[in-house]
């Protein structure tokens, strides 16, 4: 049997979100849209905007709510504070053209010696 690598983050996330036992452990994830970003910014304090087919953190944008009217937009090693009216335009400017993006709820990671970490699982059929 030939191994098939699935590049799409959304394609891997949808089955998890549709499973009633697993869904409650999966961060809220949706396709990027300006209205979707605004809606999720009202609901969550940290969001990640990720290329659907990226890896290694390349192209990931983090938006962190500082107050109801101020946000921190981080990309690579750069961060900028933006008002609620500027944040969508800032994110769109940082996004790669011709690339599909997802928006994902930020989660608190476990830490070891005050450094965050996560555990990833590879499933094989």
PDB file of N, CA and C in Angstrom:
ATOM      1  N   UNK A   1       0.843  -1.185   0.000  1.00  0.00           N
ATOM      2  CA  UNK A   1       0.000   0.000   0.000  1.00  0.00           C
ATOM      3  C   UNK A   1       0.885   1.245   0.000  1.00  0.00           C
ATOM      4  N   UNK A   2       0.544   2.173  -0.818  1.00  0.00           N
ATOM      5  CA  UNK A   2       1.306   3.412  -0.962  1.00  0.00           C
ATOM      6  C   UNK A   2       0.821   4.439   0.068  1.00  0.00           C
ATOM      7  N   UNK A   3       1.771   5.095   0.727  1.00  0.00           N
ATOM      8  CA  UNK A   3       1.451   6.133   1.709  1.00  0.00           C
ATOM      9  C   UNK A   3       1.042   7.420   0.990  1.00  0.00           C
ATOM     10  N   UNK A   4      -0.084   7.981   1.387  1.00  0.00           N
ATOM     11  CA  UNK A   4      -0.561   9.235   0.796  1.00  0.00           C
ATOM     12  C   UNK A   4      -0.419  10.334   1.842  1.00  0.00           C
ATOM     13  N   UNK A   5       0.338  11.358   1.513  1.00  0.00           N
ATOM     14  CA  UNK A   5       0.532  12.484   2.419  1.00  0.00           C
ATOM     15  C   UNK A   5      -0.532  13.536   2.137  1.00  0.00           C
ATOM     16  N   UNK A   6      -1.298  13.894   3.144  1.00  0.00           N
ATOM     17  CA  UNK A   6      -2.350  14.908   2.993  1.00  0.00           C
ATOM     18  C   UNK A   6      -1.776  16.246   3.446  1.00  0.00           C
ATOM     19  N   UNK A   7      -1.664  17.186   2.523  1.00  0.00           N
ATOM     20  CA  UNK A   7      -1.080  18.491   2.834  1.00  0.00           C
ATOM     21  C   UNK A   7      -2.078  19.460   3.472  1.00  0.00           C
ATOM     22  N   UNK A   8      -3.336  19.345   3.118  1.00  0.00           N
ATOM     23  CA  UNK A   8      -4.339  20.299   3.575  1.00  0.00           C
ATOM     24  C   UNK A   8      -4.643  20.143   5.063  1.00  0.00           C
ATOM     25  N   UNK A   9      -4.420  21.215   5.813  1.00  0.00           N
ATOM     26  CA  UNK A   9      -4.756  21.207   7.236  1.00  0.00           C
ATOM     27  C   UNK A   9      -6.261  21.033   7.437  1.00  0.00           C
ATOM     28  N   UNK A  10      -7.045  21.674   6.574  1.00  0.00           N
ATOM     29  CA  UNK A  10      -8.505  21.590   6.710  1.00  0.00           C
ATOM     30  C   UNK A  10      -8.989  20.171   6.421  1.00  0.00           C
ATOM     31  N   UNK A  11      -8.408  19.538   5.425  1.00  0.00           N
ATOM     32  CA  UNK A  11      -8.810  18.176   5.079  1.00  0.00           C
ATOM     33  C   UNK A  11      -8.523  17.208   6.232  1.00  0.00           C
ATOM     34  N   UNK A  12      -7.473  17.476   7.000  1.00  0.00           N
ATOM     35  CA  UNK A  12      -7.144  16.646   8.158  1.00  0.00           C
ATOM     36  C   UNK A  12      -7.996  17.007   9.370  1.00  0.00           C
ATOM     37  N   UNK A  13      -8.406  18.264   9.467  1.00  0.00           N
ATOM     38  CA  UNK A  13      -9.150  18.734  10.636  1.00  0.00           C
ATOM     39  C   UNK A  13     -10.636  18.386  10.568  1.00  0.00           C
ATOM     40  N   UNK A  14     -11.236  18.435   9.381  1.00  0.00           N
ATOM     41  CA  UNK A  14     -12.682  18.201   9.253  1.00  0.00           C
ATOM     42  C   UNK A  14     -13.158  16.875   9.850  1.00  0.00           C
ATOM     43  N   UNK A  15     -12.496  15.750   9.594  1.00  0.00           N
ATOM     44  CA  UNK A  15     -12.964  14.502  10.217  1.00  0.00           C
ATOM     45  C   UNK A  15     -12.907  14.553  11.744  1.00  0.00           C
ATOM     46  N   UNK A  16     -11.929  15.241  12.285  1.00  0.00           N
ATOM     47  CA  UNK A  16     -11.825  15.374  13.742  1.00  0.00           C
ATOM     48  C   UNK A  16     -12.967  16.222  14.288  1.00  0.00           C
ATOM     49  N   UNK A  17     -13.285  17.321  13.582  1.00  0.00           N
ATOM     50  CA  UNK A  17     -14.364  18.211  14.025  1.00  0.00           C
ATOM     51  C   UNK A  17     -15.731  17.548  13.885  1.00  0.00           C
ATOM     52  N   UNK A  18     -15.852  16.569  12.994  1.00  0.00           N
ATOM     53  CA  UNK A  18     -17.131  15.894  12.785  1.00  0.00           C
ATOM     54  C   UNK A  18     -17.336  14.678  13.681  1.00  0.00           C
ATOM     55  N   UNK A  19     -16.326  14.319  14.446  1.00  0.00           N
ATOM     56  CA  UNK A  19     -16.457  13.198  15.371  1.00  0.00           C
ATOM     57  C   UNK A  19     -16.892  13.735  16.738  1.00  0.00           C
ATOM     58  N   UNK A  20     -18.060  13.300  17.251  1.00  0.00           N
ATOM     59  CA  UNK A  20     -18.586  13.867  18.498  1.00  0.00           C
ATOM     60  C   UNK A  20     -17.659  13.698  19.710  1.00  0.00           C
ATOM     61  N   UNK A  21     -16.905  12.623  19.761  1.00  0.00           N
ATOM     62  CA  UNK A  21     -16.023  12.409  20.907  1.00  0.00           C
ATOM     63  C   UNK A  21     -14.736  13.224  20.813  1.00  0.00           C
ATOM     64  N   UNK A  22     -14.291  13.484  19.616  1.00  0.00           N
ATOM     65  CA  UNK A  22     -13.020  14.185  19.411  1.00  0.00           C
ATOM     66  C   UNK A  22     -13.222  15.693  19.267  1.00  0.00           C
ATOM     67  N   UNK A  23     -14.348  16.103  18.712  1.00  0.00           N
ATOM     68  CA  UNK A  23     -14.581  17.510  18.342  1.00  0.00           C
ATOM     69  C   UNK A  23     -14.357  18.490  19.490  1.00  0.00           C
ATOM     70  N   UNK A  24     -14.724  18.114  20.683  1.00  0.00           N
ATOM     71  CA  UNK A  24     -14.584  19.059  21.816  1.00  0.00           C
ATOM     72  C   UNK A  24     -13.121  19.338  22.171  1.00  0.00           C
ATOM     73  N   UNK A  25     -12.204  18.552  21.634  1.00  0.00           N
ATOM     74  CA  UNK A  25     -10.776  18.742  21.892  1.00  0.00           C
ATOM     75  C   UNK A  25     -10.053  19.446  20.747  1.00  0.00           C
ATOM     76  N   UNK A  26     -10.788  19.744  19.683  1.00  0.00           N
ATOM     77  CA  UNK A  26     -10.192  20.356  18.499  1.00  0.00           C
ATOM     78  C   UNK A  26     -10.470  21.858  18.517  1.00  0.00           C
ATOM     79  N   UNK A  27      -9.433  22.689  18.330  1.00  0.00           N
ATOM     80  CA  UNK A  27      -9.675  24.138  18.292  1.00  0.00           C
ATOM     81  C   UNK A  27     -10.613  24.502  17.140  1.00  0.00           C
ATOM     82  N   UNK A  28     -11.445  25.507  17.358  1.00  0.00           N
ATOM     83  CA  UNK A  28     -12.352  25.991  16.312  1.00  0.00           C
ATOM     84  C   UNK A  28     -11.507  26.376  15.104  1.00  0.00           C
ATOM     85  N   UNK A  29     -11.884  25.841  13.945  1.00  0.00           N
ATOM     86  CA  UNK A  29     -11.128  26.051  12.711  1.00  0.00           C
ATOM     87  C   UNK A  29     -12.099  26.331  11.579  1.00  0.00           C
ATOM     88  N   UNK A  30     -11.762  27.307  10.734  1.00  0.00           N
ATOM     89  CA  UNK A  30     -12.607  27.629   9.591  1.00  0.00           C
ATOM     90  C   UNK A  30     -11.725  28.180   8.474  1.00  0.00           C
ATOM     91  N   UNK A  31     -12.286  28.228   7.256  1.00  0.00           N
ATOM     92  CA  UNK A  31     -11.572  28.859   6.152  1.00  0.00           C
ATOM     93  C   UNK A  31     -11.452  30.351   6.417  1.00  0.00           C
ATOM     94  N   UNK A  32     -10.380  30.970   5.956  1.00  0.00           N
ATOM     95  CA  UNK A  32     -10.202  32.406   6.151  1.00  0.00           C
ATOM     96  C   UNK A  32     -11.198  33.200   5.319  1.00  0.00           C
ATOM     97  N   UNK A  33     -11.789  34.170   5.967  1.00  0.00           N
ATOM     98  CA  UNK A  33     -12.558  35.227   5.312  1.00  0.00           C
ATOM     99  C   UNK A  33     -12.502  36.417   6.256  1.00  0.00           C
ATOM    100  N   UNK A  34     -12.635  37.615   5.728  1.00  0.00           N
ATOM    101  CA  UNK A  34     -12.609  38.803   6.582  1.00  0.00           C
ATOM    102  C   UNK A  34     -13.744  38.759   7.622  1.00  0.00           C
ATOM    103  N   UNK A  35     -15.000  38.453   7.222  1.00  0.00           N
ATOM    104  CA  UNK A  35     -16.062  38.364   8.235  1.00  0.00           C
ATOM    105  C   UNK A  35     -15.799  37.247   9.256  1.00  0.00           C
ATOM    106  N   UNK A  36     -15.243  36.133   8.793  1.00  0.00           N
ATOM    107  CA  UNK A  36     -14.922  35.034   9.707  1.00  0.00           C
ATOM    108  C   UNK A  36     -13.857  35.434  10.714  1.00  0.00           C
ATOM    109  N   UNK A  37     -12.853  36.183  10.252  1.00  0.00           N
ATOM    110  CA  UNK A  37     -11.809  36.670  11.149  1.00  0.00           C
ATOM    111  C   UNK A  37     -12.401  37.598  12.199  1.00  0.00           C
ATOM    112  N   UNK A  38     -13.246  38.536  11.783  1.00  0.00           N
ATOM    113  CA  UNK A  38     -13.876  39.457  12.743  1.00  0.00           C
ATOM    114  C   UNK A  38     -14.699  38.694  13.786  1.00  0.00           C
ATOM    115  N   UNK A  39     -15.468  37.715  13.313  1.00  0.00           N
ATOM    116  CA  UNK A  39     -16.313  36.925  14.217  1.00  0.00           C
ATOM    117  C   UNK A  39     -15.462  36.160  15.235  1.00  0.00           C
ATOM    118  N   UNK A  40     -14.394  35.522  14.766  1.00  0.00           N
ATOM    119  CA  UNK A  40     -13.555  34.751  15.675  1.00  0.00           C
ATOM    120  C   UNK A  40     -12.751  35.651  16.615  1.00  0.00           C
ATOM    121  N   UNK A  41     -12.428  36.872  16.177  1.00  0.00           N
ATOM    122  CA  UNK A  41     -11.733  37.814  17.059  1.00  0.00           C
ATOM    123  C   UNK A  41     -12.625  38.233  18.231  1.00  0.00           C
ATOM    124  N   UNK A  42     -13.934  38.268  17.995  1.00  0.00           N
ATOM    125  CA  UNK A  42     -14.864  38.587  19.089  1.00  0.00           C
ATOM    126  C   UNK A  42     -14.966  37.430  20.085  1.00  0.00           C
ATOM    127  N   UNK A  43     -14.754  36.209  19.607  1.00  0.00           N
ATOM    128  CA  UNK A  43     -14.961  35.025  20.439  1.00  0.00           C
ATOM    129  C   UNK A  43     -13.710  34.542  21.174  1.00  0.00           C
ATOM    130  N   UNK A  44     -12.524  34.760  20.598  1.00  0.00           N
ATOM    131  CA  UNK A  44     -11.303  34.169  21.150  1.00  0.00           C
ATOM    132  C   UNK A  44     -10.210  35.216  21.328  1.00  0.00           C
ATOM    133  N   UNK A  45      -9.353  35.018  22.321  1.00  0.00           N
ATOM    134  CA  UNK A  45      -8.297  35.995  22.607  1.00  0.00           C
ATOM    135  C   UNK A  45      -7.062  35.808  21.729  1.00  0.00           C
ATOM    136  N   UNK A  46      -6.876  34.617  21.180  1.00  0.00           N
ATOM    137  CA  UNK A  46      -5.738  34.369  20.292  1.00  0.00           C
ATOM    138  C   UNK A  46      -6.222  33.552  19.093  1.00  0.00           C
ATOM    139  N   UNK A  47      -5.801  33.980  17.910  1.00  0.00           N
ATOM    140  CA  UNK A  47      -6.108  33.252  16.676  1.00  0.00           C
ATOM    141  C   UNK A  47      -4.827  33.040  15.897  1.00  0.00           C
ATOM    142  N   UNK A  48      -4.810  31.956  15.121  1.00  0.00           N
ATOM    143  CA  UNK A  48      -3.724  31.703  14.183  1.00  0.00           C
ATOM    144  C   UNK A  48      -4.315  31.645  12.789  1.00  0.00           C
ATOM    145  N   UNK A  49      -3.725  32.371  11.874  1.00  0.00           N
ATOM    146  CA  UNK A  49      -4.115  32.334  10.476  1.00  0.00           C
ATOM    147  C   UNK A  49      -2.974  31.597   9.779  1.00  0.00           C
ATOM    148  N   UNK A  50      -3.303  30.432   9.183  1.00  0.00           N
ATOM    149  CA  UNK A  50      -2.269  29.545   8.648  1.00  0.00           C
ATOM    150  C   UNK A  50      -2.536  29.210   7.186  1.00  0.00           C
ATOM    151  N   UNK A  51      -1.460  29.088   6.391  1.00  0.00           N
ATOM    152  CA  UNK A  51      -1.656  28.564   5.036  1.00  0.00           C
ATOM    153  C   UNK A  51      -2.203  27.140   5.150  1.00  0.00           C
ATOM    154  N   UNK A  52      -3.187  26.807   4.347  1.00  0.00           N
ATOM    155  CA  UNK A  52      -3.804  25.485   4.431  1.00  0.00           C
ATOM    156  C   UNK A  52      -2.795  24.379   4.148  1.00  0.00           C
ATOM    157  N   UNK A  53      -1.854  24.621   3.264  1.00  0.00           N
ATOM    158  CA  UNK A  53      -0.920  23.570   2.875  1.00  0.00           C
ATOM    159  C   UNK A  53       0.509  23.861   3.320  1.00  0.00           C
ATOM    160  N   UNK A  54       0.694  24.679   4.325  1.00  0.00           N
ATOM    161  CA  UNK A  54       2.036  25.015   4.786  1.00  0.00           C
ATOM    162  C   UNK A  54       2.558  24.031   5.813  1.00  0.00           C
ATOM    163  N   UNK A  55       3.832  24.188   6.159  1.00  0.00           N
ATOM    164  CA  UNK A  55       4.423  23.355   7.201  1.00  0.00           C
ATOM    165  C   UNK A  55       5.548  24.124   7.875  1.00  0.00           C
ATOM    166  N   UNK A  56       5.911  23.677   9.046  1.00  0.00           N
ATOM    167  CA  UNK A  56       7.035  24.278   9.758  1.00  0.00           C
ATOM    168  C   UNK A  56       6.786  25.685  10.255  1.00  0.00           C
ATOM    169  N   UNK A  57       5.536  26.108  10.319  1.00  0.00           N
ATOM    170  CA  UNK A  57       5.220  27.447  10.806  1.00  0.00           C
ATOM    171  C   UNK A  57       5.398  28.546   9.778  1.00  0.00           C
ATOM    172  N   UNK A  58       5.783  28.185   8.550  1.00  0.00           N
ATOM    173  CA  UNK A  58       6.000  29.183   7.507  1.00  0.00           C
ATOM    174  C   UNK A  58       4.686  29.860   7.122  1.00  0.00           C
ATOM    175  N   UNK A  59       4.644  31.180   7.201  1.00  0.00           N
ATOM    176  CA  UNK A  59       3.467  31.936   6.792  1.00  0.00           C
ATOM    177  C   UNK A  59       2.389  32.065   7.845  1.00  0.00           C
ATOM    178  N   UNK A  60       2.635  31.558   9.064  1.00  0.00           N
ATOM    179  CA  UNK A  60       1.628  31.629  10.126  1.00  0.00           C
ATOM    180  C   UNK A  60       1.583  33.044  10.707  1.00  0.00           C
ATOM    181  N   UNK A  61       0.360  33.540  10.901  1.00  0.00           N
ATOM    182  CA  UNK A  61       0.129  34.864  11.482  1.00  0.00           C
ATOM    183  C   UNK A  61      -0.638  34.656  12.782  1.00  0.00           C
ATOM    184  N   UNK A  62      -0.164  35.268  13.860  1.00  0.00           N
ATOM    185  CA  UNK A  62      -0.879  35.186  15.137  1.00  0.00           C
ATOM    186  C   UNK A  62      -1.519  36.534  15.427  1.00  0.00           C
ATOM    187  N   UNK A  63      -2.770  36.511  15.841  1.00  0.00           N
ATOM    188  CA  UNK A  63      -3.467  37.731  16.254  1.00  0.00           C
ATOM    189  C   UNK A  63      -3.883  37.529  17.702  1.00  0.00           C
ATOM    190  N   UNK A  64      -3.420  38.419  18.567  1.00  0.00           N
ATOM    191  CA  UNK A  64      -3.715  38.322  19.999  1.00  0.00           C
ATOM    192  C   UNK A  64      -4.464  39.568  20.442  1.00  0.00           C
ATOM    193  N   UNK A  65      -5.595  39.357  21.115  1.00  0.00           N
ATOM    194  CA  UNK A  65      -6.406  40.481  21.596  1.00  0.00           C
ATOM    195  C   UNK A  65      -5.751  41.076  22.846  1.00  0.00           C
ATOM    196  N   UNK A  66      -5.449  42.371  22.791  1.00  0.00           N
ATOM    197  CA  UNK A  66      -4.886  43.082  23.942  1.00  0.00           C
ATOM    198  C   UNK A  66      -5.984  43.772  24.731  1.00  0.00           C
ATOM    199  N   UNK A  67      -7.004  44.254  24.008  1.00  0.00           N
ATOM    200  CA  UNK A  67      -8.185  44.875  24.607  1.00  0.00           C
ATOM    201  C   UNK A  67      -9.288  44.787  23.557  1.00  0.00           C
ATOM    202  N   UNK A  68     -10.446  45.327  23.851  1.00  0.00           N
ATOM    203  CA  UNK A  68     -11.533  45.269  22.863  1.00  0.00           C
ATOM    204  C   UNK A  68     -11.191  46.034  21.581  1.00  0.00           C
ATOM    205  N   UNK A  69     -10.292  47.005  21.684  1.00  0.00           N
ATOM    206  CA  UNK A  69      -9.976  47.841  20.524  1.00  0.00           C
ATOM    207  C   UNK A  69      -8.545  47.671  20.012  1.00  0.00           C
ATOM    208  N   UNK A  70      -7.704  46.875  20.691  1.00  0.00           N
ATOM    209  CA  UNK A  70      -6.294  46.735  20.298  1.00  0.00           C
ATOM    210  C   UNK A  70      -5.916  45.272  20.152  1.00  0.00           C
ATOM    211  N   UNK A  71      -5.110  44.998  19.106  1.00  0.00           N
ATOM    212  CA  UNK A  71      -4.644  43.653  18.820  1.00  0.00           C
ATOM    213  C   UNK A  71      -3.162  43.684  18.503  1.00  0.00           C
ATOM    214  N   UNK A  72      -2.495  42.563  18.766  1.00  0.00           N
ATOM    215  CA  UNK A  72      -1.107  42.400  18.368  1.00  0.00           C
ATOM    216  C   UNK A  72      -1.090  41.391  17.225  1.00  0.00           C
ATOM    217  N   UNK A  73      -0.517  41.797  16.094  1.00  0.00           N
ATOM    218  CA  UNK A  73      -0.406  40.930  14.923  1.00  0.00           C
ATOM    219  C   UNK A  73       1.061  40.536  14.799  1.00  0.00           C
ATOM    220  N   UNK A  74       1.332  39.218  14.857  1.00  0.00           N
ATOM    221  CA  UNK A  74       2.707  38.720  14.792  1.00  0.00           C
ATOM    222  C   UNK A  74       2.879  37.828  13.575  1.00  0.00           C
ATOM    223  N   UNK A  75       4.018  37.997  12.922  1.00  0.00           N
ATOM    224  CA  UNK A  75       4.347  37.229  11.721  1.00  0.00           C
ATOM    225  C   UNK A  75       5.856  37.085  11.692  1.00  0.00           C
ATOM    226  N   UNK A  76       6.351  35.856  11.714  1.00  0.00           N
ATOM    227  CA  UNK A  76       7.796  35.665  11.782  1.00  0.00           C
ATOM    228  C   UNK A  76       8.305  36.208  13.106  1.00  0.00           C
ATOM    229  N   UNK A  77       9.307  37.070  13.040  1.00  0.00           N
ATOM    230  CA  UNK A  77       9.855  37.676  14.256  1.00  0.00           C
ATOM    231  C   UNK A  77       9.362  39.105  14.463  1.00  0.00           C
ATOM    232  N   UNK A  78       8.351  39.508  13.701  1.00  0.00           N
ATOM    233  CA  UNK A  78       7.828  40.868  13.757  1.00  0.00           C
ATOM    234  C   UNK A  78       6.464  40.888  14.454  1.00  0.00           C
ATOM    235  N   UNK A  79       6.216  41.927  15.225  1.00  0.00           N
ATOM    236  CA  UNK A  79       4.907  42.137  15.864  1.00  0.00           C
ATOM    237  C   UNK A  79       4.531  43.598  15.735  1.00  0.00           C
ATOM    238  N   UNK A  80       3.242  43.845  15.573  1.00  0.00           N
ATOM    239  CA  UNK A  80       2.749  45.220  15.488  1.00  0.00           C
ATOM    240  C   UNK A  80       1.409  45.303  16.205  1.00  0.00           C
ATOM    241  N   UNK A  81       1.176  46.396  16.873  1.00  0.00           N
ATOM    242  CA  UNK A  81      -0.110  46.636  17.524  1.00  0.00           C
ATOM    243  C   UNK A  81      -1.021  47.351  16.531  1.00  0.00           C
ATOM    244  N   UNK A  82      -2.243  46.872  16.427  1.00  0.00           N
ATOM    245  CA  UNK A  82      -3.206  47.439  15.486  1.00  0.00           C
ATOM    246  C   UNK A  82      -4.551  47.617  16.165  1.00  0.00           C
ATOM    247  N   UNK A  83      -5.293  48.605  15.697  1.00  0.00           N
ATOM    248  CA  UNK A  83      -6.652  48.822  16.203  1.00  0.00           C
ATOM    249  C   UNK A  83      -7.567  47.774  15.597  1.00  0.00           C
ATOM    250  N   UNK A  84      -8.748  47.648  16.153  1.00  0.00           N
ATOM    251  CA  UNK A  84      -9.709  46.663  15.648  1.00  0.00           C
ATOM    252  C   UNK A  84     -10.094  46.957  14.192  1.00  0.00           C
ATOM    253  N   UNK A  85     -10.024  48.212  13.777  1.00  0.00           N
ATOM    254  CA  UNK A  85     -10.359  48.550  12.391  1.00  0.00           C
ATOM    255  C   UNK A  85      -9.206  48.253  11.424  1.00  0.00           C
ATOM    256  N   UNK A  86      -7.991  48.111  11.939  1.00  0.00           N
ATOM    257  CA  UNK A  86      -6.818  47.883  11.088  1.00  0.00           C
ATOM    258  C   UNK A  86      -6.408  46.418  10.991  1.00  0.00           C
ATOM    259  N   UNK A  87      -6.857  45.588  11.928  1.00  0.00           N
ATOM    260  CA  UNK A  87      -6.315  44.235  12.051  1.00  0.00           C
ATOM    261  C   UNK A  87      -6.582  43.375  10.812  1.00  0.00           C
ATOM    262  N   UNK A  88      -7.761  43.436  10.229  1.00  0.00           N
ATOM    263  CA  UNK A  88      -8.069  42.614   9.050  1.00  0.00           C
ATOM    264  C   UNK A  88      -7.172  43.013   7.875  1.00  0.00           C
ATOM    265  N   UNK A  89      -7.006  44.304   7.640  1.00  0.00           N
ATOM    266  CA  UNK A  89      -6.149  44.770   6.542  1.00  0.00           C
ATOM    267  C   UNK A  89      -4.701  44.346   6.769  1.00  0.00           C
ATOM    268  N   UNK A  90      -4.242  44.398   8.008  1.00  0.00           N
ATOM    269  CA  UNK A  90      -2.866  43.987   8.331  1.00  0.00           C
ATOM    270  C   UNK A  90      -2.675  42.499   8.040  1.00  0.00           C
ATOM    271  N   UNK A  91      -3.626  41.686   8.450  1.00  0.00           N
ATOM    272  CA  UNK A  91      -3.537  40.242   8.206  1.00  0.00           C
ATOM    273  C   UNK A  91      -3.531  39.957   6.712  1.00  0.00           C
ATOM    274  N   UNK A  92      -4.432  40.586   5.965  1.00  0.00           N
ATOM    275  CA  UNK A  92      -4.500  40.363   4.514  1.00  0.00           C
ATOM    276  C   UNK A  92      -3.193  40.759   3.832  1.00  0.00           C
ATOM    277  N   UNK A  93      -2.575  41.813   4.304  1.00  0.00           N
ATOM    278  CA  UNK A  93      -1.309  42.272   3.724  1.00  0.00           C
ATOM    279  C   UNK A  93      -0.195  41.243   3.955  1.00  0.00           C
ATOM    280  N   UNK A  94      -0.233  40.549   5.082  1.00  0.00           N
ATOM    281  CA  UNK A  94       0.801  39.565   5.409  1.00  0.00           C
ATOM    282  C   UNK A  94       0.595  38.209   4.727  1.00  0.00           C
ATOM    283  N   UNK A  95      -0.620  37.956   4.261  1.00  0.00           N
ATOM    284  CA  UNK A  95      -0.929  36.677   3.639  1.00  0.00           C
ATOM    285  C   UNK A  95      -0.285  36.558   2.263  1.00  0.00           C
ATOM    286  N   UNK A  96       0.159  35.351   1.940  1.00  0.00           N
ATOM    287  CA  UNK A  96       0.734  35.088   0.616  1.00  0.00           C
ATOM    288  C   UNK A  96      -0.390  35.068  -0.409  1.00  0.00           C
ATOM    289  N   UNK A  97      -0.153  35.678  -1.531  1.00  0.00           N
ATOM    290  CA  UNK A  97      -1.153  35.685  -2.600  1.00  0.00           C
ATOM    291  C   UNK A  97      -1.298  34.270  -3.172  1.00  0.00           C
ATOM    292  N   UNK A  98      -2.461  33.962  -3.693  1.00  0.00           N
ATOM    293  CA  UNK A  98      -2.758  32.658  -4.316  1.00  0.00           C
ATOM    294  C   UNK A  98      -2.589  31.492  -3.348  1.00  0.00           C
ATOM    295  N   UNK A  99      -2.802  31.743  -2.073  1.00  0.00           N
ATOM    296  CA  UNK A  99      -2.648  30.703  -1.060  1.00  0.00           C
ATOM    297  C   UNK A  99      -3.917  30.676  -0.213  1.00  0.00           C
ATOM    298  N   UNK A 100      -4.499  29.491  -0.015  1.00  0.00           N
ATOM    299  CA  UNK A 100      -5.682  29.374   0.828  1.00  0.00           C
ATOM    300  C   UNK A 100      -5.240  29.353   2.293  1.00  0.00           C
ATOM    301  N   UNK A 101      -6.017  30.016   3.157  1.00  0.00           N
ATOM    302  CA  UNK A 101      -5.689  30.095   4.576  1.00  0.00           C
ATOM    303  C   UNK A 101      -6.847  29.588   5.428  1.00  0.00           C
ATOM    304  N   UNK A 102      -6.481  29.113   6.612  1.00  0.00           N
ATOM    305  CA  UNK A 102      -7.477  28.771   7.621  1.00  0.00           C
ATOM    306  C   UNK A 102      -7.288  29.698   8.817  1.00  0.00           C
ATOM    307  N   UNK A 103      -8.344  29.834   9.600  1.00  0.00           N
ATOM    308  CA  UNK A 103      -8.288  30.575  10.869  1.00  0.00           C
ATOM    309  C   UNK A 103      -8.497  29.537  11.954  1.00  0.00           C
ATOM    310  N   UNK A 104      -7.644  29.567  12.971  1.00  0.00           N
ATOM    311  CA  UNK A 104      -7.764  28.586  14.038  1.00  0.00           C
ATOM    312  C   UNK A 104      -7.668  29.248  15.399  1.00  0.00           C
ATOM    313  N   UNK A 105      -8.548  28.816  16.295  1.00  0.00           N
ATOM    314  CA  UNK A 105      -8.543  29.286  17.676  1.00  0.00           C
ATOM    315  C   UNK A 105      -7.205  28.933  18.316  1.00  0.00           C
ATOM    316  N   UNK A 106      -6.600  29.894  19.005  1.00  0.00           N
ATOM    317  CA  UNK A 106      -5.375  29.616  19.748  1.00  0.00           C
ATOM    318  C   UNK A 106      -5.703  28.846  21.015  1.00  0.00           C
ATOM    319  N   UNK A 107      -4.837  27.932  21.385  1.00  0.00           N
ATOM    320  CA  UNK A 107      -5.041  27.164  22.612  1.00  0.00           C
ATOM    321  C   UNK A 107      -3.835  27.347  23.527  1.00  0.00           C
ATOM    322  N   UNK A 108      -4.052  27.149  24.801  1.00  0.00           N
ATOM    323  CA  UNK A 108      -2.955  27.196  25.769  1.00  0.00           C
ATOM    324  C   UNK A 108      -2.204  25.875  25.711  1.00  0.00           C
ATOM    325  N   UNK A 109      -0.907  25.938  25.461  1.00  0.00           N
ATOM    326  CA  UNK A 109      -0.103  24.734  25.383  1.00  0.00           C
ATOM    327  C   UNK A 109       0.422  24.341  26.761  1.00  0.00           C
ATOM    328  N   UNK A 110       0.685  23.068  26.923  1.00  0.00           N
ATOM    329  CA  UNK A 110       1.359  22.597  28.126  1.00  0.00           C
ATOM    330  C   UNK A 110       2.771  23.181  28.117  1.00  0.00           C
ATOM    331  N   UNK A 111       3.372  23.278  29.283  1.00  0.00           N
ATOM    332  CA  UNK A 111       4.735  23.811  29.361  1.00  0.00           C
ATOM    333  C   UNK A 111       5.633  22.857  30.145  1.00  0.00           C
ATOM    334  N   UNK A 112       6.911  22.905  29.823  1.00  0.00           N
ATOM    335  CA  UNK A 112       7.943  22.189  30.558  1.00  0.00           C
ATOM    336  C   UNK A 112       9.075  23.172  30.759  1.00  0.00           C
ATOM    337  N   UNK A 113       9.437  23.401  32.017  1.00  0.00           N
ATOM    338  CA  UNK A 113      10.444  24.397  32.365  1.00  0.00           C
ATOM    339  C   UNK A 113      10.110  25.752  31.730  1.00  0.00           C
ATOM    340  N   UNK A 114       8.823  26.093  31.836  1.00  0.00           N
ATOM    341  CA  UNK A 114       8.254  27.358  31.338  1.00  0.00           C
ATOM    342  C   UNK A 114       8.346  27.535  29.827  1.00  0.00           C
ATOM    343  N   UNK A 115       8.536  26.463  29.085  1.00  0.00           N
ATOM    344  CA  UNK A 115       8.564  26.522  27.623  1.00  0.00           C
ATOM    345  C   UNK A 115       7.397  25.708  27.090  1.00  0.00           C
ATOM    346  N   UNK A 116       6.603  26.281  26.169  1.00  0.00           N
ATOM    347  CA  UNK A 116       5.439  25.555  25.644  1.00  0.00           C
ATOM    348  C   UNK A 116       5.867  24.404  24.725  1.00  0.00           C
ATOM    349  N   UNK A 117       5.049  23.359  24.712  1.00  0.00           N
ATOM    350  CA  UNK A 117       5.284  22.249  23.802  1.00  0.00           C
ATOM    351  C   UNK A 117       3.960  21.621  23.428  1.00  0.00           C
ATOM    352  N   UNK A 118       3.972  20.861  22.351  1.00  0.00           N
ATOM    353  CA  UNK A 118       2.786  20.099  21.972  1.00  0.00           C
ATOM    354  C   UNK A 118       3.221  18.713  21.562  1.00  0.00           C
ATOM    355  N   UNK A 119       2.259  17.817  21.504  1.00  0.00           N
ATOM    356  CA  UNK A 119       2.504  16.444  21.086  1.00  0.00           C
ATOM    357  C   UNK A 119       1.719  16.209  19.813  1.00  0.00           C
ATOM    358  N   UNK A 120       2.353  15.678  18.813  1.00  0.00           N
ATOM    359  CA  UNK A 120       1.700  15.430  17.531  1.00  0.00           C
ATOM    360  C   UNK A 120       1.608  13.925  17.308  1.00  0.00           C
ATOM    361  N   UNK A 121       0.548  13.521  16.660  1.00  0.00           N
ATOM    362  CA  UNK A 121       0.317  12.115  16.410  1.00  0.00           C
ATOM    363  C   UNK A 121       0.220  11.876  14.915  1.00  0.00           C
ATOM    364  N   UNK A 122       0.891  10.858  14.440  1.00  0.00           N
ATOM    365  CA  UNK A 122       0.794  10.450  13.041  1.00  0.00           C
ATOM    366  C   UNK A 122      -0.010   9.167  13.018  1.00  0.00           C
ATOM    367  N   UNK A 123      -1.082   9.161  12.248  1.00  0.00           N
ATOM    368  CA  UNK A 123      -1.934   7.983  12.131  1.00  0.00           C
ATOM    369  C   UNK A 123      -1.667   7.288  10.812  1.00  0.00           C
ATOM    370  N   UNK A 124      -1.611   5.976  10.876  1.00  0.00           N
ATOM    371  CA  UNK A 124      -1.463   5.187   9.666  1.00  0.00           C
ATOM    372  C   UNK A 124      -2.591   4.170   9.618  1.00  0.00           C
ATOM    373  N   UNK A 125      -3.081   3.968   8.450  1.00  0.00           N
ATOM    374  CA  UNK A 125      -4.192   3.031   8.279  1.00  0.00           C
ATOM    375  C   UNK A 125      -3.664   1.628   8.096  1.00  0.00           C
TER     376      UNK A 125
END
